[in-house]
Amino acid sequence: MHQEGYVKTIRTIGVVLGVFAITGLSSGCLAVATPAMGVIFADVKWDGDAEGSLGSKEGTACARSFMGLVSSGDASIKAAAQAGGINNVTRVDHHTKWTIILGEYCTTVGGN
């Protein structure tokens, strides 16, 4: 009887640690910036800044994350402006899209 209680305690500890591990790994994707958070999925666009006319050109730059463990990319205004051939940035917008596994943060600029 004593051994059964020990096994049950070990199993309970294992389940609790497993839940914490899964929660910790899956919440790593939550680090992708967004003004409206979703637990399983997010696809949110929002304005950053605008000055003057919207301009005739547009450029986008993105950074991506895999399970919050590995991330890469350049989502800077400078990278987005270079992608669109823009010298004078007049508008900055952002877009976040992520699931529990993959995350993406993009900056879109407009200008001339």
Protein backbone atom coordinates (compact mmCIF):
# COMPACT_ATOMS: atom_id res chain seq x y z
CA MET A 1 0.00 0.00 0.00
CA HIS A 2 2.83 2.38 0.85
CA GLN A 3 4.47 1.84 -2.55
CA GLU A 4 1.19 2.61 -4.39
CA GLY A 5 0.97 6.01 -2.67
CA TYR A 6 4.56 6.76 -3.67
CA VAL A 7 3.88 5.88 -7.32
CA LYS A 8 0.73 8.01 -7.32
CA THR A 9 2.67 10.99 -5.91
CA ILE A 10 5.40 10.62 -8.54
CA ARG A 11 2.79 10.46 -11.31
CA THR A 12 1.07 13.59 -9.98
CA ILE A 13 4.37 15.46 -9.87
CA GLY A 14 5.12 14.32 -13.43
CA VAL A 15 1.75 15.56 -14.70
CA VAL A 16 2.18 18.93 -12.98
CA LEU A 17 5.70 19.36 -14.39
CA GLY A 18 4.47 18.34 -17.85
CA VAL A 19 1.69 20.94 -17.76
CA PHE A 20 4.18 23.63 -16.71
CA ALA A 21 6.59 22.59 -19.50
CA ILE A 22 3.89 22.66 -22.19
CA THR A 23 2.55 25.99 -20.94
CA GLY A 24 6.03 27.49 -20.86
CA LEU A 25 6.91 26.35 -24.37
CA SER A 26 3.62 27.37 -25.94
CA SER A 27 3.53 30.77 -24.24
CA GLY A 28 6.86 31.69 -25.84
CA CYS A 29 4.97 32.71 -28.99
CA LEU A 30 3.00 35.18 -26.93
CA ALA A 31 6.05 37.43 -27.01
CA VAL A 32 5.05 38.66 -30.48
CA ALA A 33 3.79 42.23 -29.92
CA THR A 34 0.10 42.90 -30.46
CA PRO A 35 -2.47 45.29 -28.97
CA ALA A 36 -5.10 42.50 -28.84
CA MET A 37 -3.92 39.14 -27.50
CA GLY A 38 -5.44 35.79 -28.42
CA VAL A 39 -4.52 32.59 -26.59
CA ILE A 40 -4.58 30.27 -29.62
CA PHE A 41 -4.53 32.60 -32.64
CA ALA A 42 -4.02 36.29 -33.42
CA ASP A 43 -4.21 38.25 -36.68
CA VAL A 44 -4.13 41.94 -35.76
CA LYS A 45 -3.27 45.11 -37.71
CA TRP A 46 -2.81 48.52 -36.12
CA ASP A 47 -1.59 52.00 -36.95
CA GLY A 48 1.79 53.11 -35.83
CA ASP A 49 2.27 56.70 -36.96
CA ALA A 50 1.47 58.98 -39.89
CA GLU A 51 2.66 62.44 -40.93
CA GLY A 52 1.52 64.17 -44.10
CA SER A 53 0.28 62.35 -47.20
CA LEU A 54 0.29 58.56 -47.37
CA GLY A 55 2.77 58.50 -50.26
CA SER A 56 2.82 56.46 -53.44
CA LYS A 57 5.14 53.62 -52.32
CA GLU A 58 4.85 50.88 -49.71
CA GLY A 59 7.37 48.48 -48.17
CA THR A 60 7.10 45.69 -45.58
CA ALA A 61 9.66 43.98 -43.34
CA CYS A 62 8.98 41.06 -40.98
CA ALA A 63 10.48 39.08 -38.12
CA ARG A 64 9.37 35.51 -37.35
CA SER A 65 9.35 33.29 -34.29
CA PHE A 66 9.12 29.49 -33.94
CA MET A 67 7.54 28.39 -30.65
CA GLY A 68 9.17 31.34 -28.93
CA LEU A 69 12.44 29.40 -29.01
CA VAL A 70 14.00 30.69 -32.25
CA SER A 71 13.36 34.03 -33.90
CA SER A 72 14.91 35.96 -36.76
CA GLY A 73 14.23 38.80 -39.12
CA ASP A 74 14.33 42.58 -39.32
CA ALA A 75 10.96 44.27 -38.85
CA SER A 76 12.44 47.74 -38.53
CA ILE A 77 11.15 50.86 -40.25
CA LYS A 78 14.48 51.14 -42.07
CA ALA A 79 14.20 47.61 -43.50
CA ALA A 80 10.60 48.22 -44.60
CA ALA A 81 11.57 51.52 -46.25
CA GLN A 82 14.44 49.83 -48.10
CA ALA A 83 12.10 47.05 -49.27
CA GLY A 84 9.76 49.66 -50.78
CA GLY A 85 12.43 52.00 -52.13
CA ILE A 86 11.18 54.76 -49.83
CA ASN A 87 13.33 57.75 -48.86
CA ASN A 88 10.69 59.76 -46.98
CA VAL A 89 8.51 57.65 -44.64
CA THR A 90 5.09 59.22 -43.94
CA ARG A 91 3.14 56.23 -42.55
CA VAL A 92 4.00 53.28 -40.31
CA ASP A 93 1.62 50.36 -39.68
CA HIS A 94 2.09 47.02 -37.91
CA HIS A 95 0.68 43.53 -38.35
CA THR A 96 0.95 40.56 -36.00
CA LYS A 97 -0.06 37.04 -36.95
CA TRP A 98 0.68 34.02 -34.79
CA THR A 99 -0.50 30.62 -33.69
CA ILE A 100 0.84 28.56 -30.80
CA ILE A 101 3.72 27.41 -33.03
CA LEU A 102 4.57 30.28 -35.41
CA GLY A 103 4.64 34.03 -34.85
CA GLU A 104 5.17 36.90 -37.28
CA TYR A 105 5.52 40.65 -36.64
CA CYS A 106 5.58 42.96 -39.68
CA THR A 107 6.13 46.68 -40.13
CA THR A 108 4.68 48.32 -43.24
CA VAL A 109 5.68 51.84 -44.21
CA GLY A 110 4.38 54.19 -46.85
CA GLY A 111 5.95 57.26 -48.37
CA ASN A 112 7.91 58.55 -51.34
